[in-house]
C-alpha atoms as a PDB file:
ATOM      1  CA  MET A   1      13.423  22.309 -15.884  1.00  0.00           C
ATOM      2  CA  LYS A   2      13.364  21.292 -12.220  1.00  0.00           C
ATOM      3  CA  PRO A   3       9.740  20.355 -11.043  1.00  0.00           C
ATOM      4  CA  ASP A   4       7.991  22.203  -8.282  1.00  0.00           C
ATOM      5  CA  MET A   5       8.669  20.616  -5.056  1.00  0.00           C
ATOM      6  CA  ASN A   6       5.007  20.738  -3.965  1.00  0.00           C
ATOM      7  CA  THR A   7       4.081  18.709  -7.161  1.00  0.00           C
ATOM      8  CA  VAL A   8       6.778  16.222  -6.164  1.00  0.00           C
ATOM      9  CA  ARG A   9       5.461  15.820  -2.711  1.00  0.00           C
ATOM     10  CA  LEU A  10       1.933  15.493  -4.004  1.00  0.00           C
ATOM     11  CA  LEU A  11       3.221  12.789  -6.361  1.00  0.00           C
ATOM     12  CA  GLY A  12       4.654  10.849  -3.547  1.00  0.00           C
ATOM     13  CA  ALA A  13       1.729  11.217  -1.432  1.00  0.00           C
ATOM     14  CA  ALA A  14      -0.553   9.950  -4.260  1.00  0.00           C
ATOM     15  CA  GLN A  15       1.550   6.912  -4.739  1.00  0.00           C
ATOM     16  CA  LEU A  16       1.215   6.225  -0.985  1.00  0.00           C
ATOM     17  CA  VAL A  17      -2.553   6.598  -1.247  1.00  0.00           C
ATOM     18  CA  VAL A  18      -2.667   4.250  -4.180  1.00  0.00           C
ATOM     19  CA  PHE A  19      -0.589   1.615  -2.491  1.00  0.00           C
ATOM     20  CA  PHE A  20      -2.300   1.586   0.869  1.00  0.00           C
ATOM     21  CA  ALA A  21      -5.763   1.941  -0.620  1.00  0.00           C
ATOM     22  CA  SER A  22      -5.007  -1.000  -2.941  1.00  0.00           C
ATOM     23  CA  VAL A  23      -3.819  -3.167  -0.038  1.00  0.00           C
ATOM     24  CA  ILE A  24      -6.638  -2.261   2.317  1.00  0.00           C
ATOM     25  CA  SER A  25      -9.253  -2.788  -0.217  1.00  0.00           C
ATOM     26  CA  GLU A  26      -7.995  -6.317  -1.381  1.00  0.00           C
ATOM     27  CA  GLN A  27      -7.646  -7.348   2.260  1.00  0.00           C
ATOM     28  CA  LEU A  28     -11.144  -6.293   3.123  1.00  0.00           C
ATOM     29  CA  LEU A  29     -12.544  -8.032   0.022  1.00  0.00           C
ATOM     30  CA  LYS A  30     -10.569 -11.146   0.911  1.00  0.00           C
ATOM     31  CA  SER A  31     -12.053 -11.026   4.345  1.00  0.00           C
ATOM     32  CA  VAL A  32     -15.561 -10.826   3.120  1.00  0.00           C
ATOM     33  CA  VAL A  33     -15.469 -13.318   0.166  1.00  0.00           C
ATOM     34  CA  GLY A  34     -13.500 -16.055   1.888  1.00  0.00           C
ATOM     35  CA  THR A  35     -13.011 -19.455   0.246  1.00  0.00           C
ATOM     36  CA  GLY A  36     -15.272 -22.150  -0.854  1.00  0.00           C
ATOM     37  CA  SER A  37     -18.103 -22.660  -3.243  1.00  0.00           C
ATOM     38  CA  MET A  38     -20.075 -20.042  -4.765  1.00  0.00           C
ATOM     39  CA  SER A  39     -22.987 -20.198  -2.265  1.00  0.00           C
ATOM     40  CA  ASP A  40     -20.705 -19.945   0.438  1.00  0.00           C
ATOM     41  CA  THR A  41     -19.137 -16.841  -1.028  1.00  0.00           C
ATOM     42  CA  LEU A  42     -22.670 -15.289  -1.562  1.00  0.00           C
ATOM     43  CA  VAL A  43     -23.549 -16.018   2.109  1.00  0.00           C
ATOM     44  CA  ASN A  44     -20.358 -14.530   3.421  1.00  0.00           C
ATOM     45  CA  ILE A  45     -21.000 -11.347   1.233  1.00  0.00           C
ATOM     46  CA  SER A  46     -24.595 -11.022   2.398  1.00  0.00           C
ATOM     47  CA  GLU A  47     -23.365 -11.422   6.196  1.00  0.00           C
ATOM     48  CA  ASN A  48     -20.713  -8.709   5.675  1.00  0.00           C
ATOM     49  CA  VAL A  49     -22.392  -6.144   3.632  1.00  0.00           C
ATOM     50  CA  SER A  50     -20.878  -3.156   5.378  1.00  0.00           C
ATOM     51  CA  ARG A  51     -17.312  -4.537   4.797  1.00  0.00           C
ATOM     52  CA  MET A  52     -18.049  -5.123   1.185  1.00  0.00           C
ATOM     53  CA  ARG A  53     -19.204  -1.472   0.926  1.00  0.00           C
ATOM     54  CA  ILE A  54     -16.118  -0.171   2.677  1.00  0.00           C
ATOM     55  CA  SER A  55     -13.904  -2.083   0.379  1.00  0.00           C
ATOM     56  CA  THR A  56     -15.864  -0.816  -2.758  1.00  0.00           C
ATOM     57  CA  LEU A  57     -15.515   2.762  -1.453  1.00  0.00           C
ATOM     58  CA  ILE A  58     -11.836   2.446  -0.813  1.00  0.00           C
ATOM     59  CA  ALA A  59     -11.280   0.835  -4.347  1.00  0.00           C
ATOM     60  CA  PHE A  60     -13.146   3.839  -5.766  1.00  0.00           C
ATOM     61  CA  ILE A  61     -10.893   6.211  -3.759  1.00  0.00           C
ATOM     62  CA  ASN A  62      -7.892   4.167  -5.314  1.00  0.00           C
ATOM     63  CA  SER A  63      -9.385   4.927  -8.751  1.00  0.00           C
ATOM     64  CA  LEU A  64      -9.460   8.533  -8.122  1.00  0.00           C
ATOM     65  CA  ALA A  65      -5.970   8.571  -6.568  1.00  0.00           C
ATOM     66  CA  ILE A  66      -4.752   6.754  -9.693  1.00  0.00           C
ATOM     67  CA  VAL A  67      -6.099   9.618 -11.861  1.00  0.00           C
ATOM     68  CA  ALA A  68      -4.429  12.049  -9.531  1.00  0.00           C
ATOM     69  CA  LEU A  69      -1.194  10.231  -9.923  1.00  0.00           C
ATOM     70  CA  GLY A  70      -1.460  10.254 -13.688  1.00  0.00           C
ATOM     71  CA  VAL A  71      -2.114  13.936 -13.717  1.00  0.00           C
ATOM     72  CA  LEU A  72       0.715  14.627 -11.516  1.00  0.00           C
ATOM     73  CA  PHE A  73       3.135  12.536 -13.496  1.00  0.00           C
ATOM     74  CA  TYR A  74       1.993  14.457 -16.595  1.00  0.00           C
ATOM     75  CA  ILE A  75       2.806  17.792 -15.024  1.00  0.00           C
ATOM     76  CA  THR A  76       6.192  16.419 -13.874  1.00  0.00           C
ATOM     77  CA  LEU A  77       7.213  14.719 -17.150  1.00  0.00           C
ATOM     78  CA  ASN A  78       5.556  17.147 -19.566  1.00  0.00           C
ATOM     79  CA  GLU A  79       8.600  19.387 -20.106  1.00  0.00           C
ATOM     80  CA  THR A  80      11.012  16.457 -20.318  1.00  0.00           C
ATOM     81  CA  ASN A  81       9.145  14.418 -22.971  1.00  0.00           C
ATOM     82  CA  LYS A  82       5.728  15.280 -24.045  1.00  0.00           C
ATOM     83  CA  THR A  83       5.104  12.009 -25.729  1.00  0.00           C
ATOM     84  CA  MET A  84       6.023   9.855 -22.827  1.00  0.00           C
ATOM     85  CA  ALA A  85       4.020  12.048 -20.508  1.00  0.00           C
ATOM     86  CA  LEU A  86       0.868  11.575 -22.725  1.00  0.00           C
ATOM     87  CA  ILE A  87       1.348   7.805 -22.848  1.00  0.00           C
ATOM     88  CA  ALA A  88       1.859   7.673 -19.201  1.00  0.00           C
ATOM     89  CA  LEU A  89      -1.346   9.632 -18.506  1.00  0.00           C
ATOM     90  CA  GLY A  90      -3.320   7.406 -20.909  1.00  0.00           C
ATOM     91  CA  CYS A  91      -2.044   4.231 -19.194  1.00  0.00           C
ATOM     92  CA  PHE A  92      -3.097   5.791 -15.777  1.00  0.00           C
ATOM     93  CA  PHE A  93      -6.555   6.800 -17.051  1.00  0.00           C
ATOM     94  CA  ALA A  94      -6.998   3.257 -18.545  1.00  0.00           C
ATOM     95  CA  GLU A  95      -6.111   1.561 -15.201  1.00  0.00           C
ATOM     96  CA  ALA A  96      -8.405   3.899 -13.330  1.00  0.00           C
ATOM     97  CA  ILE A  97     -11.289   3.260 -15.765  1.00  0.00           C
ATOM     98  CA  THR A  98     -10.661  -0.559 -15.687  1.00  0.00           C
ATOM     99  CA  LEU A  99     -10.681  -0.579 -11.852  1.00  0.00           C
ATOM    100  CA  ALA A 100     -13.791   1.510 -11.635  1.00  0.00           C
ATOM    101  CA  VAL A 101     -15.687  -0.539 -14.293  1.00  0.00           C
ATOM    102  CA  GLY A 102     -14.581  -3.815 -12.452  1.00  0.00           C
ATOM    103  CA  ILE A 103     -15.789  -2.564  -9.121  1.00  0.00           C
ATOM    104  CA  SER A 104     -19.144  -1.302 -10.709  1.00  0.00           C
ATOM    105  CA  VAL A 105     -19.616  -4.511 -12.474  1.00  0.00           C
ATOM    106  CA  SER A 106     -19.116  -6.611  -9.200  1.00  0.00           C
ATOM    107  CA  LEU A 107     -21.680  -4.687  -7.426  1.00  0.00           C
END
């Protein structure tokens, strides 16, 4: 069965959101953390709190987009191979949870 074109478009949009959110969040985090010793890193973070918060917010948005990506893949692949669709959904959920927990722990 041919998937709905709106679902396919949403799937492509979700992939773009995940890609760009990941790149932007990582670049913001690198600009805040910098290089050097642990004390230098903590000083850099304390001087750039707003950038750190924006990076964290974008990373959480990335986590939500990963969940949306998993659901859209499930909808698209469900009729072709239900087992593969469930495994993919589980992997996307695991990725999103790991990302969200990693962000929460770093706060």
